[in-house]
Amino acid sequence: MAEHLPYIIRYATERDTYQLWQLMRELAVFERCIDRFHVTEEMVRNQGFQKEHPDFRALVAENIHIKELGAMVVYYFIPFTAIAKPTLFIKEFYVSESLRGQGLGKSLFHAVKREAQAVGCGNIQWKAATWNKAAIRFYERQGAKPNNEWVEFGINL
């Protein structure tokens, strides 16, 4: 389990920009969309750490010995929903392949749940690719239920 791994879960800071960007890029490779990945290290720095109201927040799992990030959850808040409480929306959730199955993802997921509770969110939402059966099983083990009432739409511009 993660409590035996040399990792701590903490908020990402500007000094994490490069490693956070690397994890985002790894996720794009894993999700088979690296050809559409246009995020730069500078974008991560500017949009996550240098704006007065950042576009996203992130929690990371850092190896306490080598100061290397092994996992991340990138999220933002939707301030008002029908339930009159904010929603925490997980944009990216990723554990490096070599660290999967050791409890690190579970620890990170529980940390983001605590974050949502601390700011008074009514729920947490995210998307998972239908082909990513391992992620779907992981989320279900955390108590998540798929929402089959809505169809996701999008337009590429």
N, C-alpha and C. Protein backbone atom coordinates (compact mmCIF):
# COMPACT_ATOMS: atom_id res chain seq x y z
N MET A 1 0.83 -1.19 0.00
CA MET A 1 0.00 0.00 0.00
C MET A 1 0.87 1.25 0.00
N ALA A 2 0.25 2.36 -0.33
CA ALA A 2 1.00 3.62 -0.49
C ALA A 2 1.66 4.06 0.81
N GLU A 3 1.10 3.67 1.96
CA GLU A 3 1.73 4.11 3.21
C GLU A 3 3.12 3.52 3.38
N HIS A 4 3.46 2.50 2.61
CA HIS A 4 4.79 1.92 2.67
C HIS A 4 5.72 2.47 1.59
N LEU A 5 5.15 3.22 0.66
CA LEU A 5 5.95 3.82 -0.39
C LEU A 5 6.54 5.13 0.13
N PRO A 6 7.69 5.53 -0.40
CA PRO A 6 8.30 6.78 0.08
C PRO A 6 7.71 8.01 -0.62
N TYR A 7 6.36 8.12 -0.63
CA TYR A 7 5.69 9.22 -1.31
C TYR A 7 4.84 10.02 -0.35
N ILE A 8 4.78 11.32 -0.59
CA ILE A 8 3.85 12.17 0.13
C ILE A 8 2.91 12.80 -0.90
N ILE A 9 1.69 13.04 -0.48
CA ILE A 9 0.71 13.73 -1.32
C ILE A 9 0.70 15.18 -0.87
N ARG A 10 0.87 16.09 -1.82
CA ARG A 10 0.90 17.52 -1.48
C ARG A 10 0.38 18.32 -2.66
N TYR A 11 0.13 19.61 -2.40
CA TYR A 11 -0.26 20.51 -3.49
C TYR A 11 0.94 20.77 -4.39
N ALA A 12 0.68 20.82 -5.68
CA ALA A 12 1.72 21.17 -6.63
C ALA A 12 2.06 22.65 -6.47
N THR A 13 3.33 22.97 -6.69
CA THR A 13 3.79 24.35 -6.66
C THR A 13 4.48 24.67 -7.98
N GLU A 14 4.84 25.91 -8.15
CA GLU A 14 5.48 26.32 -9.40
C GLU A 14 6.77 25.55 -9.67
N ARG A 15 7.47 25.16 -8.63
CA ARG A 15 8.71 24.41 -8.84
C ARG A 15 8.45 23.02 -9.43
N ASP A 16 7.20 22.56 -9.42
CA ASP A 16 6.83 21.26 -9.99
C ASP A 16 6.46 21.35 -11.47
N THR A 17 6.51 22.53 -12.03
CA THR A 17 5.99 22.74 -13.39
C THR A 17 6.51 21.71 -14.38
N TYR A 18 7.82 21.54 -14.46
CA TYR A 18 8.37 20.64 -15.48
C TYR A 18 7.90 19.20 -15.26
N GLN A 19 7.99 18.71 -14.03
CA GLN A 19 7.58 17.33 -13.77
C GLN A 19 6.07 17.13 -13.94
N LEU A 20 5.29 18.15 -13.59
CA LEU A 20 3.84 18.07 -13.79
C LEU A 20 3.54 18.00 -15.28
N TRP A 21 4.22 18.81 -16.06
CA TRP A 21 4.06 18.78 -17.51
C TRP A 21 4.46 17.40 -18.07
N GLN A 22 5.54 16.83 -17.55
CA GLN A 22 5.96 15.50 -17.99
C GLN A 22 4.87 14.45 -17.72
N LEU A 23 4.25 14.51 -16.55
CA LEU A 23 3.18 13.57 -16.23
C LEU A 23 1.98 13.78 -17.16
N MET A 24 1.67 15.04 -17.47
CA MET A 24 0.58 15.32 -18.41
C MET A 24 0.88 14.72 -19.78
N ARG A 25 2.13 14.84 -20.18
CA ARG A 25 2.54 14.29 -21.47
C ARG A 25 2.47 12.76 -21.45
N GLU A 26 2.92 12.13 -20.37
CA GLU A 26 2.81 10.67 -20.22
C GLU A 26 1.36 10.22 -20.33
N LEU A 27 0.47 10.99 -19.70
CA LEU A 27 -0.95 10.66 -19.77
C LEU A 27 -1.46 10.76 -21.20
N ALA A 28 -1.04 11.77 -21.93
CA ALA A 28 -1.45 11.91 -23.33
C ALA A 28 -0.98 10.72 -24.16
N VAL A 29 0.22 10.23 -23.90
CA VAL A 29 0.72 9.04 -24.59
C VAL A 29 -0.16 7.84 -24.22
N PHE A 30 -0.40 7.66 -22.93
CA PHE A 30 -1.22 6.55 -22.45
C PHE A 30 -2.62 6.59 -23.05
N GLU A 31 -3.19 7.79 -23.14
CA GLU A 31 -4.55 7.94 -23.65
C GLU A 31 -4.62 7.96 -25.18
N ARG A 32 -3.48 7.77 -25.82
CA ARG A 32 -3.41 7.68 -27.28
C ARG A 32 -3.81 8.99 -27.97
N CYS A 33 -3.47 10.09 -27.35
CA CYS A 33 -3.80 11.38 -27.96
C CYS A 33 -2.59 12.32 -27.97
N ILE A 34 -1.39 11.77 -28.00
CA ILE A 34 -0.20 12.61 -27.98
C ILE A 34 -0.13 13.50 -29.21
N ASP A 35 -0.74 13.07 -30.31
CA ASP A 35 -0.75 13.89 -31.53
C ASP A 35 -1.57 15.17 -31.35
N ARG A 36 -2.43 15.21 -30.35
CA ARG A 36 -3.25 16.40 -30.07
C ARG A 36 -2.79 17.12 -28.81
N PHE A 37 -1.69 16.69 -28.23
CA PHE A 37 -1.18 17.29 -26.99
C PHE A 37 -0.39 18.55 -27.34
N HIS A 38 -0.92 19.70 -26.98
CA HIS A 38 -0.27 20.97 -27.30
C HIS A 38 0.12 21.76 -26.05
N VAL A 39 -0.02 21.15 -24.89
CA VAL A 39 0.32 21.81 -23.64
C VAL A 39 1.83 21.96 -23.55
N THR A 40 2.27 23.14 -23.18
CA THR A 40 3.70 23.39 -22.99
C THR A 40 3.99 23.58 -21.50
N GLU A 41 5.25 23.46 -21.17
CA GLU A 41 5.67 23.71 -19.79
C GLU A 41 5.30 25.14 -19.38
N GLU A 42 5.48 26.08 -20.28
CA GLU A 42 5.16 27.48 -19.98
C GLU A 42 3.66 27.66 -19.71
N MET A 43 2.83 26.95 -20.45
CA MET A 43 1.38 27.03 -20.22
C MET A 43 1.03 26.52 -18.83
N VAL A 44 1.64 25.43 -18.44
CA VAL A 44 1.39 24.88 -17.10
C VAL A 44 1.80 25.90 -16.05
N ARG A 45 2.97 26.49 -16.21
CA ARG A 45 3.46 27.49 -15.26
C ARG A 45 2.50 28.69 -15.19
N ASN A 46 2.18 29.25 -16.35
CA ASN A 46 1.34 30.45 -16.39
C ASN A 46 -0.07 30.18 -15.88
N GLN A 47 -0.69 29.13 -16.38
CA GLN A 47 -2.10 28.90 -16.08
C GLN A 47 -2.34 28.27 -14.71
N GLY A 48 -1.32 27.60 -14.19
CA GLY A 48 -1.51 26.94 -12.91
C GLY A 48 -0.91 27.64 -11.72
N PHE A 49 0.11 28.47 -11.98
CA PHE A 49 0.84 29.01 -10.84
C PHE A 49 1.07 30.51 -10.86
N GLN A 50 0.96 31.16 -12.00
CA GLN A 50 1.30 32.57 -12.06
C GLN A 50 0.08 33.49 -12.17
N LYS A 51 -1.07 32.94 -12.45
CA LYS A 51 -2.29 33.75 -12.52
C LYS A 51 -2.84 33.99 -11.12
N GLU A 52 -3.47 35.15 -10.95
CA GLU A 52 -4.08 35.44 -9.65
C GLU A 52 -5.15 34.39 -9.32
N HIS A 53 -5.93 34.00 -10.32
CA HIS A 53 -6.93 32.95 -10.17
C HIS A 53 -6.56 31.83 -11.15
N PRO A 54 -5.79 30.85 -10.70
CA PRO A 54 -5.30 29.81 -11.61
C PRO A 54 -6.43 29.06 -12.31
N ASP A 55 -6.13 28.57 -13.51
CA ASP A 55 -7.09 27.79 -14.28
C ASP A 55 -7.26 26.39 -13.72
N PHE A 56 -6.30 25.92 -12.97
CA PHE A 56 -6.37 24.59 -12.39
C PHE A 56 -5.57 24.54 -11.11
N ARG A 57 -5.80 23.50 -10.36
CA ARG A 57 -5.01 23.17 -9.18
C ARG A 57 -4.53 21.74 -9.37
N ALA A 58 -3.57 21.34 -8.59
CA ALA A 58 -3.07 19.97 -8.72
C ALA A 58 -2.55 19.47 -7.38
N LEU A 59 -2.78 18.20 -7.16
CA LEU A 59 -2.17 17.46 -6.08
C LEU A 59 -1.19 16.49 -6.73
N VAL A 60 -0.05 16.30 -6.10
CA VAL A 60 0.96 15.41 -6.65
C VAL A 60 1.45 14.45 -5.58
N ALA A 61 1.97 13.32 -6.05
CA ALA A 61 2.63 12.36 -5.16
C ALA A 61 4.12 12.48 -5.45
N GLU A 62 4.88 12.87 -4.42
CA GLU A 62 6.31 13.09 -4.58
C GLU A 62 7.10 12.07 -3.78
N ASN A 63 8.10 11.47 -4.42
CA ASN A 63 9.02 10.58 -3.73
C ASN A 63 9.86 11.43 -2.78
N ILE A 64 9.82 11.13 -1.50
CA ILE A 64 10.48 11.99 -0.51
C ILE A 64 12.00 11.88 -0.56
N HIS A 65 12.51 10.82 -1.18
CA HIS A 65 13.96 10.65 -1.26
C HIS A 65 14.58 11.33 -2.47
N ILE A 66 13.94 11.17 -3.62
CA ILE A 66 14.54 11.71 -4.85
C ILE A 66 13.80 12.91 -5.41
N LYS A 67 12.74 13.35 -4.70
CA LYS A 67 11.97 14.54 -5.08
C LYS A 67 11.41 14.44 -6.50
N GLU A 68 10.98 13.24 -6.86
CA GLU A 68 10.41 13.00 -8.19
C GLU A 68 8.91 12.75 -8.06
N LEU A 69 8.15 13.34 -8.96
CA LEU A 69 6.70 13.15 -8.95
C LEU A 69 6.35 11.83 -9.62
N GLY A 70 5.46 11.09 -8.98
CA GLY A 70 5.05 9.80 -9.53
C GLY A 70 3.58 9.74 -9.91
N ALA A 71 2.80 10.74 -9.50
CA ALA A 71 1.37 10.75 -9.80
C ALA A 71 0.84 12.17 -9.65
N MET A 72 -0.30 12.40 -10.28
CA MET A 72 -0.91 13.74 -10.20
C MET A 72 -2.42 13.62 -10.35
N VAL A 73 -3.10 14.60 -9.81
CA VAL A 73 -4.50 14.83 -10.11
C VAL A 73 -4.61 16.33 -10.37
N VAL A 74 -5.09 16.68 -11.56
CA VAL A 74 -5.27 18.07 -11.97
C VAL A 74 -6.78 18.32 -11.96
N TYR A 75 -7.19 19.39 -11.30
CA TYR A 75 -8.62 19.62 -11.13
C TYR A 75 -8.93 21.11 -11.11
N TYR A 76 -10.21 21.40 -11.24
CA TYR A 76 -10.69 22.77 -11.09
C TYR A 76 -12.08 22.71 -10.48
N PHE A 77 -12.57 23.86 -10.08
CA PHE A 77 -13.87 23.93 -9.45
C PHE A 77 -14.89 24.57 -10.38
N ILE A 78 -16.07 23.99 -10.41
CA ILE A 78 -17.23 24.61 -11.05
C ILE A 78 -18.00 25.23 -9.88
N PRO A 79 -18.04 26.56 -9.83
CA PRO A 79 -18.47 27.21 -8.59
C PRO A 79 -19.93 27.01 -8.19
N PHE A 80 -20.83 26.80 -9.13
CA PHE A 80 -22.24 26.72 -8.76
C PHE A 80 -22.92 25.71 -9.65
N THR A 81 -23.64 24.79 -9.05
CA THR A 81 -24.37 23.79 -9.81
C THR A 81 -25.80 23.73 -9.28
N ALA A 82 -26.61 22.86 -9.83
CA ALA A 82 -28.02 22.75 -9.44
C ALA A 82 -28.19 22.42 -7.96
N ILE A 83 -27.21 21.80 -7.36
CA ILE A 83 -27.32 21.45 -5.94
C ILE A 83 -26.85 22.59 -5.03
N ALA A 84 -26.55 23.74 -5.63
CA ALA A 84 -26.15 24.95 -4.90
C ALA A 84 -24.85 24.76 -4.13
N LYS A 85 -24.00 23.88 -4.63
CA LYS A 85 -22.67 23.68 -4.07
C LYS A 85 -21.70 23.54 -5.24
N PRO A 86 -20.44 23.86 -5.03
CA PRO A 86 -19.48 23.68 -6.11
C PRO A 86 -19.24 22.20 -6.42
N THR A 87 -18.73 21.97 -7.62
CA THR A 87 -18.29 20.65 -8.05
C THR A 87 -16.80 20.69 -8.27
N LEU A 88 -16.09 19.70 -7.79
CA LEU A 88 -14.68 19.55 -8.11
C LEU A 88 -14.63 18.66 -9.35
N PHE A 89 -14.04 19.18 -10.43
CA PHE A 89 -13.93 18.42 -11.67
C PHE A 89 -12.49 17.99 -11.87
N ILE A 90 -12.29 16.68 -11.92
CA ILE A 90 -10.96 16.13 -12.17
C ILE A 90 -10.72 16.14 -13.67
N LYS A 91 -9.73 16.89 -14.08
CA LYS A 91 -9.37 16.95 -15.49
C LYS A 91 -8.40 15.84 -15.86
N GLU A 92 -7.41 15.60 -15.00
CA GLU A 92 -6.42 14.57 -15.27
C GLU A 92 -6.07 13.85 -13.98
N PHE A 93 -6.06 12.54 -14.04
CA PHE A 93 -5.68 11.70 -12.92
C PHE A 93 -4.72 10.67 -13.49
N TYR A 94 -3.49 10.65 -12.98
CA TYR A 94 -2.49 9.77 -13.59
C TYR A 94 -1.48 9.31 -12.56
N VAL A 95 -1.20 8.00 -12.60
CA VAL A 95 -0.14 7.39 -11.80
C VAL A 95 0.84 6.77 -12.79
N SER A 96 2.11 7.09 -12.65
CA SER A 96 3.13 6.51 -13.54
C SER A 96 3.00 5.00 -13.56
N GLU A 97 3.21 4.44 -14.72
CA GLU A 97 2.98 3.01 -14.92
C GLU A 97 3.72 2.13 -13.92
N SER A 98 4.95 2.47 -13.61
CA SER A 98 5.75 1.64 -12.70
C SER A 98 5.26 1.68 -11.26
N LEU A 99 4.38 2.63 -10.93
CA LEU A 99 3.89 2.77 -9.56
C LEU A 99 2.46 2.28 -9.37
N ARG A 100 1.84 1.83 -10.43
CA ARG A 100 0.44 1.39 -10.34
C ARG A 100 0.32 0.12 -9.52
N GLY A 101 -0.82 -0.03 -8.87
CA GLY A 101 -1.11 -1.23 -8.11
C GLY A 101 -0.50 -1.26 -6.72
N GLN A 102 0.05 -0.13 -6.27
CA GLN A 102 0.71 -0.09 -4.96
C GLN A 102 -0.03 0.80 -3.96
N GLY A 103 -1.19 1.30 -4.35
CA GLY A 103 -1.98 2.12 -3.44
C GLY A 103 -1.78 3.62 -3.58
N LEU A 104 -0.87 4.03 -4.45
CA LEU A 104 -0.60 5.46 -4.61
C LEU A 104 -1.81 6.19 -5.20
N GLY A 105 -2.45 5.58 -6.19
CA GLY A 105 -3.65 6.18 -6.79
C GLY A 105 -4.76 6.33 -5.77
N LYS A 106 -4.93 5.31 -4.95
CA LYS A 106 -5.96 5.36 -3.91
C LYS A 106 -5.68 6.51 -2.93
N SER A 107 -4.43 6.66 -2.53
CA SER A 107 -4.07 7.76 -1.63
C SER A 107 -4.33 9.11 -2.27
N LEU A 108 -4.00 9.24 -3.54
CA LEU A 108 -4.21 10.49 -4.27
C LEU A 108 -5.71 10.77 -4.41
N PHE A 109 -6.48 9.72 -4.71
CA PHE A 109 -7.93 9.89 -4.85
C PHE A 109 -8.55 10.34 -3.53
N HIS A 110 -8.13 9.75 -2.42
CA HIS A 110 -8.65 10.16 -1.12
C HIS A 110 -8.26 11.60 -0.79
N ALA A 111 -7.08 12.01 -1.22
CA ALA A 111 -6.65 13.41 -0.99
C ALA A 111 -7.54 14.38 -1.74
N VAL A 112 -7.90 14.05 -2.96
CA VAL A 112 -8.76 14.95 -3.73
C VAL A 112 -10.18 14.96 -3.15
N LYS A 113 -10.62 13.84 -2.61
CA LYS A 113 -11.92 13.81 -1.92
C LYS A 113 -11.90 14.74 -0.71
N ARG A 114 -10.81 14.69 0.05
CA ARG A 114 -10.68 15.58 1.22
C ARG A 114 -10.68 17.05 0.78
N GLU A 115 -10.01 17.33 -0.33
CA GLU A 115 -9.99 18.71 -0.86
C GLU A 115 -11.40 19.16 -1.20
N ALA A 116 -12.17 18.31 -1.87
CA ALA A 116 -13.54 18.66 -2.24
C ALA A 116 -14.40 18.91 -1.00
N GLN A 117 -14.25 18.06 0.00
CA GLN A 117 -15.01 18.23 1.24
C GLN A 117 -14.61 19.51 1.95
N ALA A 118 -13.33 19.83 1.95
CA ALA A 118 -12.83 21.01 2.66
C ALA A 118 -13.38 22.31 2.09
N VAL A 119 -13.65 22.34 0.79
CA VAL A 119 -14.17 23.57 0.19
C VAL A 119 -15.69 23.53 0.02
N GLY A 120 -16.33 22.49 0.54
CA GLY A 120 -17.79 22.43 0.53
C GLY A 120 -18.41 21.95 -0.77
N CYS A 121 -17.70 21.18 -1.54
CA CYS A 121 -18.25 20.67 -2.80
C CYS A 121 -19.38 19.68 -2.53
N GLY A 122 -20.32 19.64 -3.46
CA GLY A 122 -21.40 18.68 -3.37
C GLY A 122 -21.09 17.37 -4.07
N ASN A 123 -20.12 17.43 -5.01
CA ASN A 123 -19.74 16.21 -5.70
C ASN A 123 -18.40 16.40 -6.41
N ILE A 124 -17.91 15.28 -6.92
CA ILE A 124 -16.70 15.24 -7.73
C ILE A 124 -17.09 14.57 -9.03
N GLN A 125 -16.63 15.12 -10.14
CA GLN A 125 -16.93 14.53 -11.44
C GLN A 125 -15.65 14.39 -12.25
N TRP A 126 -15.66 13.45 -13.18
CA TRP A 126 -14.54 13.25 -14.09
C TRP A 126 -14.99 12.35 -15.21
N LYS A 127 -14.13 12.16 -16.16
CA LYS A 127 -14.41 11.28 -17.30
C LYS A 127 -13.34 10.20 -17.34
N ALA A 128 -13.72 9.05 -17.87
CA ALA A 128 -12.77 7.98 -18.11
C ALA A 128 -13.06 7.42 -19.50
N ALA A 129 -12.02 7.11 -20.22
CA ALA A 129 -12.19 6.52 -21.55
C ALA A 129 -12.85 5.16 -21.40
N THR A 130 -13.78 4.86 -22.28
CA THR A 130 -14.49 3.58 -22.19
C THR A 130 -13.55 2.39 -22.34
N TRP A 131 -12.45 2.55 -23.06
CA TRP A 131 -11.50 1.45 -23.26
C TRP A 131 -10.59 1.24 -22.05
N ASN A 132 -10.55 2.21 -21.14
CA ASN A 132 -9.64 2.13 -19.99
C ASN A 132 -10.31 1.38 -18.84
N LYS A 133 -10.45 0.07 -19.02
CA LYS A 133 -11.16 -0.77 -18.05
C LYS A 133 -10.49 -0.76 -16.67
N ALA A 134 -9.17 -0.66 -16.64
CA ALA A 134 -8.46 -0.63 -15.35
C ALA A 134 -8.85 0.62 -14.56
N ALA A 135 -8.94 1.77 -15.24
CA ALA A 135 -9.34 3.01 -14.55
C ALA A 135 -10.78 2.90 -14.07
N ILE A 136 -11.65 2.36 -14.90
CA ILE A 136 -13.05 2.22 -14.51
C ILE A 136 -13.17 1.33 -13.27
N ARG A 137 -12.46 0.22 -13.26
CA ARG A 137 -12.48 -0.67 -12.07
C ARG A 137 -11.93 0.07 -10.84
N PHE A 138 -10.84 0.82 -11.03
CA PHE A 138 -10.26 1.59 -9.92
C PHE A 138 -11.29 2.56 -9.34
N TYR A 139 -11.94 3.33 -10.21
CA TYR A 139 -12.92 4.32 -9.73
C TYR A 139 -14.09 3.63 -9.03
N GLU A 140 -14.54 2.53 -9.58
CA GLU A 140 -15.64 1.81 -8.94
C GLU A 140 -15.23 1.30 -7.56
N ARG A 141 -13.99 0.86 -7.41
CA ARG A 141 -13.50 0.42 -6.09
C ARG A 141 -13.47 1.57 -5.09
N GLN A 142 -13.37 2.80 -5.61
CA GLN A 142 -13.36 3.98 -4.73
C GLN A 142 -14.78 4.44 -4.39
N GLY A 143 -15.78 3.72 -4.92
CA GLY A 143 -17.18 4.06 -4.62
C GLY A 143 -17.86 4.87 -5.71
N ALA A 144 -17.19 5.12 -6.81
CA ALA A 144 -17.78 5.91 -7.90
C ALA A 144 -18.77 5.08 -8.70
N LYS A 145 -19.75 5.75 -9.24
CA LYS A 145 -20.75 5.12 -10.10
C LYS A 145 -20.75 5.86 -11.44
N PRO A 146 -20.85 5.11 -12.54
CA PRO A 146 -20.92 5.80 -13.84
C PRO A 146 -22.24 6.56 -13.97
N ASN A 147 -22.21 7.67 -14.65
CA ASN A 147 -23.41 8.46 -14.91
C ASN A 147 -23.86 8.17 -16.33
N ASN A 148 -24.87 7.33 -16.46
CA ASN A 148 -25.38 6.96 -17.77
C ASN A 148 -26.55 7.81 -18.23
N GLU A 149 -26.85 8.88 -17.47
CA GLU A 149 -27.96 9.74 -17.82
C GLU A 149 -27.60 10.83 -18.82
N TRP A 150 -26.31 11.06 -19.02
CA TRP A 150 -25.87 12.14 -19.88
C TRP A 150 -25.00 11.60 -21.01
N VAL A 151 -25.08 12.23 -22.14
CA VAL A 151 -24.22 11.91 -23.27
C VAL A 151 -23.23 13.04 -23.41
N GLU A 152 -21.96 12.73 -23.47
CA GLU A 152 -20.93 13.76 -23.62
C GLU A 152 -20.89 14.24 -25.06
N PHE A 153 -20.84 15.54 -25.23
CA PHE A 153 -20.73 16.15 -26.55
C PHE A 153 -19.50 17.03 -26.61
N GLY A 154 -19.02 17.30 -27.78
CA GLY A 154 -17.89 18.21 -27.95
C GLY A 154 -17.74 18.61 -29.40
N ILE A 155 -17.13 19.73 -29.61
CA ILE A 155 -16.80 20.21 -30.96
C ILE A 155 -15.34 20.60 -30.95
N ASN A 156 -14.57 20.05 -31.84
CA ASN A 156 -13.18 20.46 -31.97
C ASN A 156 -13.12 21.71 -32.84
N LEU A 157 -12.43 22.71 -32.38
CA LEU A 157 -12.31 23.97 -33.12
C LEU A 157 -10.93 24.14 -33.68
